[in-house]
Amino acid sequence: MDLLYYPGCTVKTSAKCLETSGFAVIKALGHNLVEMEEWNCCGVVASLTDDDLMHHLAPLRNLIHAEDQGQEKIVTFCDMCGNTLKQTNLRVQESEENLDTLNNFMDQEEDYKKSVDVQHFLEFLRDDVGFAKLKKSVKKPLKGMKIMPYYGCTMLRPREVAIDDAEEPRILADLLKSLGAEVIDTPYKIECCGSYHTIEQKDLTAKRAYRISSSAQKAGADAIMLSCPMCKFNLDHRGKDAESLYDGYKQIPVYYYTQLIAMAMGLDIEECGFDSHTVDPIPLLKEKKVI
């Protein structure tokens, strides 16, 4: 089955490994991602104010182009892209006035007809593939790996576009169980990583990374699994920076969920792009005999 794929900016640059490992997984599951034509940046953050429609133009343009290609669904890997596209889609679904204003402003585009559904790849795995079926594809279970699933903010908030419960999410934990890993649960699984404060307040995000990662380690985790490129950068890179702030602290590896699925399915390690990580994630995989 072909699925229209919206990449967004980050998976083409700093989070390329999320895309390559995701493509390897979807191919192994018998599906095909087709990158949409003429996509643009999602806009990064959707406005929540009633009188600000300008920030909905970029995501709506992507929804229009999905319709132009005759598709009723687009799939994305990035939490922020999924959140932004979903919020704009919801906004125009609920307000005909907002939709008319945006359609009239973009006079060189076709009018959006509200026919597109935005789906995070995790939703596709849970709802369309099913974790039970995914489990049957596992050739190298992540046996012995103790992993904290980290959700962050944008896949869970606001509730109207969330893919799981905001307080007690389970989608990543259920995925890890299907891969054979031991799930380490802590209250910090939904703690904000610091987001874009990483640009101007590096120590702040390093301290938040320490807070999240150290809680995982105290609970027995030897790694963290997540889905958001921003969260990955902050926990992996800023987490490494935290080593200079806290005596004796060592940052544990951080994996994208697509990378761990690929490893559990016995796919080519070259598809995972582990060399782009700040904290080397390969030694743990070797120690647990996954590779």
C-alpha atoms as a PDB file:
ATOM      1  CA  MET A   1       0.000   0.000   0.000  1.00  0.00           C
ATOM      2  CA  ASP A   2       1.269   3.459  -0.948  1.00  0.00           C
ATOM      3  CA  LEU A   3       1.072   6.198   1.696  1.00  0.00           C
ATOM      4  CA  LEU A   4       1.537   9.897   0.990  1.00  0.00           C
ATOM      5  CA  TYR A   5       4.407  11.097   3.128  1.00  0.00           C
ATOM      6  CA  TYR A   6       4.988  14.594   4.466  1.00  0.00           C
ATOM      7  CA  PRO A   7       8.653  14.869   5.555  1.00  0.00           C
ATOM      8  CA  GLY A   8       9.066  18.365   6.971  1.00  0.00           C
ATOM      9  CA  CYS A   9      12.435  20.067   7.295  1.00  0.00           C
ATOM     10  CA  THR A  10      14.206  18.360  10.186  1.00  0.00           C
ATOM     11  CA  VAL A  11      14.077  14.794   8.846  1.00  0.00           C
ATOM     12  CA  LYS A  12      15.875  16.039   5.744  1.00  0.00           C
ATOM     13  CA  THR A  13      18.715  17.477   7.843  1.00  0.00           C
ATOM     14  CA  SER A  14      19.566  16.814  11.491  1.00  0.00           C
ATOM     15  CA  ALA A  15      17.021  14.000  11.919  1.00  0.00           C
ATOM     16  CA  LYS A  16      17.752  12.194   8.658  1.00  0.00           C
ATOM     17  CA  CYS A  17      18.216   8.962  10.600  1.00  0.00           C
ATOM     18  CA  LEU A  18      14.570   9.093  11.679  1.00  0.00           C
ATOM     19  CA  GLU A  19      13.519   9.111   8.031  1.00  0.00           C
ATOM     20  CA  THR A  20      15.937   6.483   6.736  1.00  0.00           C
ATOM     21  CA  SER A  21      15.135   4.013   9.516  1.00  0.00           C
ATOM     22  CA  GLY A  22      11.420   4.739   9.130  1.00  0.00           C
ATOM     23  CA  PHE A  23      11.542   4.065   5.397  1.00  0.00           C
ATOM     24  CA  ALA A  24      13.362   0.783   6.027  1.00  0.00           C
ATOM     25  CA  VAL A  25      10.693  -0.281   8.528  1.00  0.00           C
ATOM     26  CA  ILE A  26       7.733   0.618   6.330  1.00  0.00           C
ATOM     27  CA  LYS A  27       9.268  -1.225   3.375  1.00  0.00           C
ATOM     28  CA  ALA A  28       9.841  -4.330   5.498  1.00  0.00           C
ATOM     29  CA  LEU A  29       6.188  -4.192   6.557  1.00  0.00           C
ATOM     30  CA  GLY A  30       5.107  -4.269   2.916  1.00  0.00           C
ATOM     31  CA  HIS A  31       4.108  -0.637   2.463  1.00  0.00           C
ATOM     32  CA  ASN A  32       5.549   2.268   0.518  1.00  0.00           C
ATOM     33  CA  LEU A  33       5.917   5.911   1.496  1.00  0.00           C
ATOM     34  CA  VAL A  34       5.583   8.348  -1.392  1.00  0.00           C
ATOM     35  CA  GLU A  35       6.943  11.807  -0.636  1.00  0.00           C
ATOM     36  CA  MET A  36       4.384  14.478  -1.435  1.00  0.00           C
ATOM     37  CA  GLU A  37       5.133  16.996  -4.148  1.00  0.00           C
ATOM     38  CA  GLU A  38       5.702  20.682  -3.420  1.00  0.00           C
ATOM     39  CA  TRP A  39       5.728  20.343   0.339  1.00  0.00           C
ATOM     40  CA  ASN A  40       6.881  23.276   2.425  1.00  0.00           C
ATOM     41  CA  CYS A  41       7.826  23.829   6.060  1.00  0.00           C
ATOM     42  CA  CYS A  42       4.880  23.018   8.323  1.00  0.00           C
ATOM     43  CA  GLY A  43       5.257  26.394  10.039  1.00  0.00           C
ATOM     44  CA  VAL A  44       6.690  24.717  13.158  1.00  0.00           C
ATOM     45  CA  VAL A  45       4.174  26.153  15.645  1.00  0.00           C
ATOM     46  CA  ALA A  46       0.438  26.539  15.065  1.00  0.00           C
ATOM     47  CA  SER A  47      -1.134  29.632  16.561  1.00  0.00           C
ATOM     48  CA  LEU A  48      -3.768  29.126  19.256  1.00  0.00           C
ATOM     49  CA  THR A  49      -5.113  32.699  19.227  1.00  0.00           C
ATOM     50  CA  ASP A  50      -8.452  33.385  17.563  1.00  0.00           C
ATOM     51  CA  ASP A  51      -7.261  36.337  15.495  1.00  0.00           C
ATOM     52  CA  ASP A  52      -4.004  34.869  14.167  1.00  0.00           C
ATOM     53  CA  LEU A  53      -4.555  33.003  10.922  1.00  0.00           C
ATOM     54  CA  MET A  54      -1.216  33.890   9.336  1.00  0.00           C
ATOM     55  CA  HIS A  55       0.537  30.998  11.071  1.00  0.00           C
ATOM     56  CA  HIS A  56      -1.958  28.542   9.600  1.00  0.00           C
ATOM     57  CA  LEU A  57      -1.071  29.363   6.003  1.00  0.00           C
ATOM     58  CA  ALA A  58       2.015  27.134   5.758  1.00  0.00           C
ATOM     59  CA  PRO A  59       0.384  23.984   7.141  1.00  0.00           C
ATOM     60  CA  LEU A  60      -2.829  24.555   5.170  1.00  0.00           C
ATOM     61  CA  ARG A  61      -0.840  24.835   1.940  1.00  0.00           C
ATOM     62  CA  ASN A  62       0.501  21.318   2.587  1.00  0.00           C
ATOM     63  CA  LEU A  63      -3.016  20.011   3.162  1.00  0.00           C
ATOM     64  CA  ILE A  64      -4.119  21.606  -0.121  1.00  0.00           C
ATOM     65  CA  HIS A  65      -1.262  19.963  -1.990  1.00  0.00           C
ATOM     66  CA  ALA A  66      -2.207  16.604  -0.500  1.00  0.00           C
ATOM     67  CA  GLU A  67      -5.706  17.093  -1.921  1.00  0.00           C
ATOM     68  CA  ASP A  68      -4.187  18.163  -5.238  1.00  0.00           C
ATOM     69  CA  GLN A  69      -2.484  14.756  -5.360  1.00  0.00           C
ATOM     70  CA  GLY A  70      -5.811  13.012  -4.774  1.00  0.00           C
ATOM     71  CA  GLN A  71      -4.942  11.806  -1.286  1.00  0.00           C
ATOM     72  CA  GLU A  72      -7.114  11.699   1.815  1.00  0.00           C
ATOM     73  CA  LYS A  73      -4.300  11.011   4.291  1.00  0.00           C
ATOM     74  CA  ILE A  74      -0.733  12.131   4.881  1.00  0.00           C
ATOM     75  CA  VAL A  75       1.735  10.416   7.192  1.00  0.00           C
ATOM     76  CA  THR A  76       4.584  12.155   9.023  1.00  0.00           C
ATOM     77  CA  PHE A  77       7.399  11.055  11.330  1.00  0.00           C
ATOM     78  CA  CYS A  78       7.951  14.354  13.133  1.00  0.00           C
ATOM     79  CA  ASP A  79       5.921  15.128  16.274  1.00  0.00           C
ATOM     80  CA  MET A  80       6.042  18.876  15.675  1.00  0.00           C
ATOM     81  CA  CYS A  81       4.976  18.575  12.030  1.00  0.00           C
ATOM     82  CA  GLY A  82       2.153  16.231  12.933  1.00  0.00           C
ATOM     83  CA  ASN A  83       0.978  18.530  15.712  1.00  0.00           C
ATOM     84  CA  THR A  84       1.087  21.657  13.557  1.00  0.00           C
ATOM     85  CA  LEU A  85      -0.680  20.102  10.584  1.00  0.00           C
ATOM     86  CA  LYS A  86      -3.332  18.564  12.820  1.00  0.00           C
ATOM     87  CA  GLN A  87      -4.017  21.822  14.643  1.00  0.00           C
ATOM     88  CA  THR A  88      -4.521  23.742  11.407  1.00  0.00           C
ATOM     89  CA  ASN A  89      -6.702  20.967  10.015  1.00  0.00           C
ATOM     90  CA  LEU A  90      -8.841  21.056  13.154  1.00  0.00           C
ATOM     91  CA  ARG A  91      -9.048  24.843  13.048  1.00  0.00           C
ATOM     92  CA  VAL A  92     -10.537  24.933   9.551  1.00  0.00           C
ATOM     93  CA  GLN A  93     -12.727  21.893  10.161  1.00  0.00           C
ATOM     94  CA  GLU A  94     -14.377  23.732  13.048  1.00  0.00           C
ATOM     95  CA  SER A  95     -14.556  27.212  11.522  1.00  0.00           C
ATOM     96  CA  GLU A  96     -15.924  27.769   8.027  1.00  0.00           C
ATOM     97  CA  GLU A  97     -15.131  31.465   8.426  1.00  0.00           C
ATOM     98  CA  ASN A  98     -11.443  30.747   9.087  1.00  0.00           C
ATOM     99  CA  LEU A  99     -11.332  28.351   6.151  1.00  0.00           C
ATOM    100  CA  ASP A 100     -12.863  30.926   3.806  1.00  0.00           C
ATOM    101  CA  THR A 101     -10.396  33.590   4.940  1.00  0.00           C
ATOM    102  CA  LEU A 102      -7.405  31.320   4.380  1.00  0.00           C
ATOM    103  CA  ASN A 103      -8.665  30.011   1.047  1.00  0.00           C
ATOM    104  CA  ASN A 104      -9.321  33.540  -0.195  1.00  0.00           C
ATOM    105  CA  PHE A 105      -5.878  34.700   0.891  1.00  0.00           C
ATOM    106  CA  MET A 106      -4.133  31.893  -1.010  1.00  0.00           C
ATOM    107  CA  ASP A 107      -5.698  32.869  -4.311  1.00  0.00           C
ATOM    108  CA  GLN A 108      -3.130  30.970  -6.377  1.00  0.00           C
ATOM    109  CA  GLU A 109      -3.918  27.659  -4.651  1.00  0.00           C
ATOM    110  CA  GLU A 110      -6.965  25.450  -4.958  1.00  0.00           C
ATOM    111  CA  ASP A 111      -9.456  25.814  -2.099  1.00  0.00           C
ATOM    112  CA  TYR A 112      -9.002  23.328   0.719  1.00  0.00           C
ATOM    113  CA  LYS A 113     -11.986  20.983   0.879  1.00  0.00           C
ATOM    114  CA  LYS A 114     -11.265  19.529   4.334  1.00  0.00           C
ATOM    115  CA  SER A 115     -10.774  15.978   3.059  1.00  0.00           C
ATOM    116  CA  VAL A 116      -7.281  15.203   4.395  1.00  0.00           C
ATOM    117  CA  ASP A 117      -6.480  13.281   7.576  1.00  0.00           C
ATOM    118  CA  VAL A 118      -3.058  13.769   9.207  1.00  0.00           C
ATOM    119  CA  GLN A 119      -1.541  10.642  10.747  1.00  0.00           C
ATOM    120  CA  HIS A 120       1.615  10.288  12.813  1.00  0.00           C
ATOM    121  CA  PHE A 121       3.629   7.202  11.825  1.00  0.00           C
ATOM    122  CA  LEU A 122       3.166   5.875  15.353  1.00  0.00           C
ATOM    123  CA  GLU A 123      -0.594   6.011  14.799  1.00  0.00           C
ATOM    124  CA  PHE A 124      -0.156   4.072  11.571  1.00  0.00           C
ATOM    125  CA  LEU A 125       1.836   1.388  13.378  1.00  0.00           C
ATOM    126  CA  ARG A 126      -0.682   1.147  16.223  1.00  0.00           C
ATOM    127  CA  ASP A 127      -3.966   1.525  14.345  1.00  0.00           C
ATOM    128  CA  ASP A 128      -3.294   0.239  10.827  1.00  0.00           C
ATOM    129  CA  VAL A 129      -0.472  -2.286  11.217  1.00  0.00           C
ATOM    130  CA  GLY A 130      -1.102  -3.239  14.847  1.00  0.00           C
ATOM    131  CA  PHE A 131       1.589  -3.964  17.416  1.00  0.00           C
ATOM    132  CA  ALA A 132       0.618  -7.637  17.471  1.00  0.00           C
ATOM    133  CA  LYS A 133       1.478  -7.920  13.772  1.00  0.00           C
ATOM    134  CA  LEU A 134       4.626  -5.878  14.262  1.00  0.00           C
ATOM    135  CA  LYS A 135       5.699  -8.321  16.985  1.00  0.00           C
ATOM    136  CA  LYS A 136       5.529 -11.155  14.463  1.00  0.00           C
ATOM    137  CA  SER A 137       8.092  -9.299  12.329  1.00  0.00           C
ATOM    138  CA  VAL A 138      10.644  -9.162  15.154  1.00  0.00           C
ATOM    139  CA  LYS A 139      13.699 -11.314  14.465  1.00  0.00           C
ATOM    140  CA  LYS A 140      16.038  -9.938  17.125  1.00  0.00           C
ATOM    141  CA  PRO A 141      14.004  -9.081  20.234  1.00  0.00           C
ATOM    142  CA  LEU A 142      15.385  -6.273  22.372  1.00  0.00           C
ATOM    143  CA  LYS A 143      15.675  -8.749  25.212  1.00  0.00           C
ATOM    144  CA  GLY A 144      17.518  -7.373  28.211  1.00  0.00           C
ATOM    145  CA  MET A 145      17.223  -3.739  27.107  1.00  0.00           C
ATOM    146  CA  LYS A 146      15.622  -1.592  29.796  1.00  0.00           C
ATOM    147  CA  ILE A 147      14.178   1.426  28.053  1.00  0.00           C
ATOM    148  CA  MET A 148      12.273   4.473  29.219  1.00  0.00           C
ATOM    149  CA  PRO A 149       9.691   5.629  26.652  1.00  0.00           C
ATOM    150  CA  TYR A 150       9.804   9.418  26.468  1.00  0.00           C
ATOM    151  CA  TYR A 151       6.794  11.223  25.028  1.00  0.00           C
ATOM    152  CA  GLY A 152       7.585  14.907  25.434  1.00  0.00           C
ATOM    153  CA  CYS A 153       4.867  17.438  24.617  1.00  0.00           C
ATOM    154  CA  THR A 154       3.713  17.701  21.040  1.00  0.00           C
ATOM    155  CA  MET A 155       2.379  14.183  20.464  1.00  0.00           C
ATOM    156  CA  LEU A 156       0.205  14.565  23.576  1.00  0.00           C
ATOM    157  CA  ARG A 157      -0.862  18.200  23.675  1.00  0.00           C
ATOM    158  CA  PRO A 158      -3.275  19.806  23.059  1.00  0.00           C
ATOM    159  CA  ARG A 159      -5.676  16.946  23.724  1.00  0.00           C
ATOM    160  CA  GLU A 160      -7.704  17.695  20.580  1.00  0.00           C
ATOM    161  CA  VAL A 161      -4.832  16.564  18.328  1.00  0.00           C
ATOM    162  CA  ALA A 162      -3.070  14.155  20.700  1.00  0.00           C
ATOM    163  CA  ILE A 163      -2.348  10.600  19.601  1.00  0.00           C
ATOM    164  CA  ASP A 164      -2.545   9.270  23.162  1.00  0.00           C
ATOM    165  CA  ASP A 165      -3.630  10.204  26.683  1.00  0.00           C
ATOM    166  CA  ALA A 166      -1.801  13.331  27.862  1.00  0.00           C
ATOM    167  CA  GLU A 167      -1.224  12.108  31.424  1.00  0.00           C
ATOM    168  CA  GLU A 168      -0.804   8.357  31.030  1.00  0.00           C
ATOM    169  CA  PRO A 169       0.285   7.638  27.450  1.00  0.00           C
ATOM    170  CA  ARG A 170       1.088   4.064  26.499  1.00  0.00           C
ATOM    171  CA  ILE A 171       1.730   3.971  22.758  1.00  0.00           C
ATOM    172  CA  LEU A 172       5.543   3.929  23.080  1.00  0.00           C
ATOM    173  CA  ALA A 173       5.432   1.492  25.990  1.00  0.00           C
ATOM    174  CA  ASP A 174       3.188  -0.871  24.019  1.00  0.00           C
ATOM    175  CA  LEU A 175       5.555  -0.575  21.059  1.00  0.00           C
ATOM    176  CA  LEU A 176       8.567  -1.413  23.218  1.00  0.00           C
ATOM    177  CA  LYS A 177       6.806  -4.480  24.614  1.00  0.00           C
ATOM    178  CA  SER A 178       6.120  -5.715  21.093  1.00  0.00           C
ATOM    179  CA  LEU A 179       9.861  -5.402  20.381  1.00  0.00           C
ATOM    180  CA  GLY A 180      10.746  -7.475  23.446  1.00  0.00           C
ATOM    181  CA  ALA A 181      12.224  -4.678  25.579  1.00  0.00           C
ATOM    182  CA  GLU A 182      11.597  -4.058  29.270  1.00  0.00           C
ATOM    183  CA  VAL A 183       9.691  -0.815  29.784  1.00  0.00           C
ATOM    184  CA  ILE A 184      10.940   1.551  32.497  1.00  0.00           C
ATOM    185  CA  ASP A 185       8.200   3.953  33.548  1.00  0.00           C
ATOM    186  CA  THR A 186       8.877   7.280  35.271  1.00  0.00           C
ATOM    187  CA  PRO A 187       6.819  10.463  35.816  1.00  0.00           C
ATOM    188  CA  TYR A 188       9.309  12.341  33.638  1.00  0.00           C
ATOM    189  CA  LYS A 189       8.136  10.583  30.483  1.00  0.00           C
ATOM    190  CA  ILE A 190       5.875  13.591  29.742  1.00  0.00           C
ATOM    191  CA  GLU A 191       8.224  16.283  31.056  1.00  0.00           C
ATOM    192  CA  CYS A 192       9.115  18.996  28.510  1.00  0.00           C
ATOM    193  CA  CYS A 193      12.677  18.703  27.189  1.00  0.00           C
ATOM    194  CA  GLY A 194      13.093  22.483  27.044  1.00  0.00           C
ATOM    195  CA  SER A 195      12.237  22.725  23.348  1.00  0.00           C
ATOM    196  CA  TYR A 196      13.642  25.785  21.547  1.00  0.00           C
ATOM    197  CA  HIS A 197      15.211  27.180  24.714  1.00  0.00           C
ATOM    198  CA  THR A 198      18.111  24.996  23.581  1.00  0.00           C
ATOM    199  CA  ILE A 199      19.134  27.834  21.241  1.00  0.00           C
ATOM    200  CA  GLU A 200      19.619  30.648  23.739  1.00  0.00           C
ATOM    201  CA  GLN A 201      19.642  28.783  27.068  1.00  0.00           C
ATOM    202  CA  LYS A 202      21.810  25.727  26.588  1.00  0.00           C
ATOM    203  CA  ASP A 203      22.369  25.140  30.293  1.00  0.00           C
ATOM    204  CA  LEU A 204      18.625  25.210  30.931  1.00  0.00           C
ATOM    205  CA  THR A 205      17.977  22.425  28.436  1.00  0.00           C
ATOM    206  CA  ALA A 206      21.040  20.512  29.635  1.00  0.00           C
ATOM    207  CA  LYS A 207      19.622  20.593  33.156  1.00  0.00           C
ATOM    208  CA  ARG A 208      16.244  19.421  31.920  1.00  0.00           C
ATOM    209  CA  ALA A 209      17.913  16.605  29.992  1.00  0.00           C
ATOM    210  CA  TYR A 210      19.737  15.624  33.176  1.00  0.00           C
ATOM    211  CA  ARG A 211      16.487  15.681  35.148  1.00  0.00           C
ATOM    212  CA  ILE A 212      14.719  13.417  32.652  1.00  0.00           C
ATOM    213  CA  SER A 213      17.617  11.055  31.968  1.00  0.00           C
ATOM    214  CA  SER A 214      18.773  10.712  35.566  1.00  0.00           C
ATOM    215  CA  SER A 215      15.232   9.790  36.619  1.00  0.00           C
ATOM    216  CA  ALA A 216      15.283   7.072  33.958  1.00  0.00           C
ATOM    217  CA  GLN A 217      18.626   5.771  35.176  1.00  0.00           C
ATOM    218  CA  LYS A 218      17.529   5.740  38.809  1.00  0.00           C
ATOM    219  CA  ALA A 219      14.548   3.640  37.757  1.00  0.00           C
ATOM    220  CA  GLY A 220      16.884   1.175  36.039  1.00  0.00           C
ATOM    221  CA  ALA A 221      16.809   2.303  32.408  1.00  0.00           C
ATOM    222  CA  ASP A 222      19.874   1.920  30.226  1.00  0.00           C
ATOM    223  CA  ALA A 223      18.389   3.876  27.296  1.00  0.00           C
ATOM    224  CA  ILE A 224      15.591   6.233  26.225  1.00  0.00           C
ATOM    225  CA  MET A 225      13.311   5.852  23.206  1.00  0.00           C
ATOM    226  CA  LEU A 226      11.438   8.785  21.684  1.00  0.00           C
ATOM    227  CA  SER A 227       9.924  10.125  18.463  1.00  0.00           C
ATOM    228  CA  CYS A 228      10.577  13.892  18.376  1.00  0.00           C
ATOM    229  CA  PRO A 229      13.700  15.362  16.687  1.00  0.00           C
ATOM    230  CA  MET A 230      13.773  18.314  19.093  1.00  0.00           C
ATOM    231  CA  CYS A 231      13.526  16.030  22.113  1.00  0.00           C
ATOM    232  CA  LYS A 232      16.201  13.779  20.661  1.00  0.00           C
ATOM    233  CA  PHE A 233      18.619  16.673  20.243  1.00  0.00           C
ATOM    234  CA  ASN A 234      18.006  17.958  23.751  1.00  0.00           C
ATOM    235  CA  LEU A 235      18.226  14.608  25.532  1.00  0.00           C
ATOM    236  CA  ASP A 236      21.096  13.287  23.441  1.00  0.00           C
ATOM    237  CA  HIS A 237      23.241  16.364  22.752  1.00  0.00           C
ATOM    238  CA  ARG A 238      22.329  18.598  25.689  1.00  0.00           C
ATOM    239  CA  GLY A 239      22.287  15.514  27.874  1.00  0.00           C
ATOM    240  CA  LYS A 240      25.925  14.991  26.947  1.00  0.00           C
ATOM    241  CA  ASP A 241      26.561  18.652  27.852  1.00  0.00           C
ATOM    242  CA  ALA A 242      25.055  17.934  31.272  1.00  0.00           C
ATOM    243  CA  GLU A 243      27.998  15.664  32.043  1.00  0.00           C
ATOM    244  CA  SER A 244      30.112  18.774  32.640  1.00  0.00           C
ATOM    245  CA  LEU A 245      27.494  20.202  35.007  1.00  0.00           C
ATOM    246  CA  TYR A 246      27.026  17.185  37.263  1.00  0.00           C
ATOM    247  CA  ASP A 247      29.962  15.261  38.721  1.00  0.00           C
ATOM    248  CA  GLY A 248      29.906  11.579  37.843  1.00  0.00           C
ATOM    249  CA  TYR A 249      26.918  11.873  35.525  1.00  0.00           C
ATOM    250  CA  LYS A 250      26.922   9.948  32.240  1.00  0.00           C
ATOM    251  CA  GLN A 251      24.226  10.389  29.614  1.00  0.00           C
ATOM    252  CA  ILE A 252      22.571   7.172  28.429  1.00  0.00           C
ATOM    253  CA  PRO A 253      21.850   6.475  24.726  1.00  0.00           C
ATOM    254  CA  VAL A 254      18.764   7.955  23.085  1.00  0.00           C
ATOM    255  CA  TYR A 255      17.048   6.085  20.225  1.00  0.00           C
ATOM    256  CA  TYR A 256      14.302   6.951  17.779  1.00  0.00           C
ATOM    257  CA  TYR A 257      11.532   4.366  17.849  1.00  0.00           C
ATOM    258  CA  THR A 258      12.092   3.678  14.144  1.00  0.00           C
ATOM    259  CA  GLN A 259      15.719   2.770  14.823  1.00  0.00           C
ATOM    260  CA  LEU A 260      14.805   0.229  17.487  1.00  0.00           C
ATOM    261  CA  ILE A 261      12.075  -1.267  15.304  1.00  0.00           C
ATOM    262  CA  ALA A 262      14.624  -1.615  12.484  1.00  0.00           C
ATOM    263  CA  MET A 263      17.113  -3.331  14.788  1.00  0.00           C
ATOM    264  CA  ALA A 264      14.474  -5.663  16.218  1.00  0.00           C
ATOM    265  CA  MET A 265      13.378  -6.592  12.689  1.00  0.00           C
ATOM    266  CA  GLY A 266      16.964  -7.434  11.784  1.00  0.00           C
ATOM    267  CA  LEU A 267      17.295  -4.683   9.186  1.00  0.00           C
ATOM    268  CA  ASP A 268      20.553  -3.152   7.959  1.00  0.00           C
ATOM    269  CA  ILE A 269      22.197  -1.080  10.700  1.00  0.00           C
ATOM    270  CA  GLU A 270      23.358   1.385   8.051  1.00  0.00           C
ATOM    271  CA  GLU A 271      19.741   2.497   7.666  1.00  0.00           C
ATOM    272  CA  CYS A 272      19.708   3.752  11.265  1.00  0.00           C
ATOM    273  CA  GLY A 273      22.290   6.526  11.038  1.00  0.00           C
ATOM    274  CA  PHE A 274      23.668   5.917  14.519  1.00  0.00           C
ATOM    275  CA  ASP A 275      26.769   7.929  13.668  1.00  0.00           C
ATOM    276  CA  SER A 276      24.663  11.098  13.950  1.00  0.00           C
ATOM    277  CA  HIS A 277      24.094  10.552  17.687  1.00  0.00           C
ATOM    278  CA  THR A 278      26.126  12.413  20.288  1.00  0.00           C
ATOM    279  CA  VAL A 279      26.047   9.499  22.745  1.00  0.00           C
ATOM    280  CA  ASP A 280      27.022   6.356  20.827  1.00  0.00           C
ATOM    281  CA  PRO A 281      24.007   3.998  20.879  1.00  0.00           C
ATOM    282  CA  ILE A 282      25.804   1.014  19.346  1.00  0.00           C
ATOM    283  CA  PRO A 283      27.682  -0.365  22.406  1.00  0.00           C
ATOM    284  CA  LEU A 284      24.412  -1.039  24.259  1.00  0.00           C
ATOM    285  CA  LEU A 285      22.992  -2.879  21.244  1.00  0.00           C
ATOM    286  CA  LYS A 286      26.126  -5.031  21.122  1.00  0.00           C
ATOM    287  CA  GLU A 287      26.058  -5.641  24.874  1.00  0.00           C
ATOM    288  CA  LYS A 288      22.461  -6.879  24.636  1.00  0.00           C
ATOM    289  CA  LYS A 289      23.326  -8.935  21.538  1.00  0.00           C
ATOM    290  CA  VAL A 290      20.840  -7.111  19.332  1.00  0.00           C
ATOM    291  CA  ILE A 291      23.640  -6.615  16.782  1.00  0.00           C
END
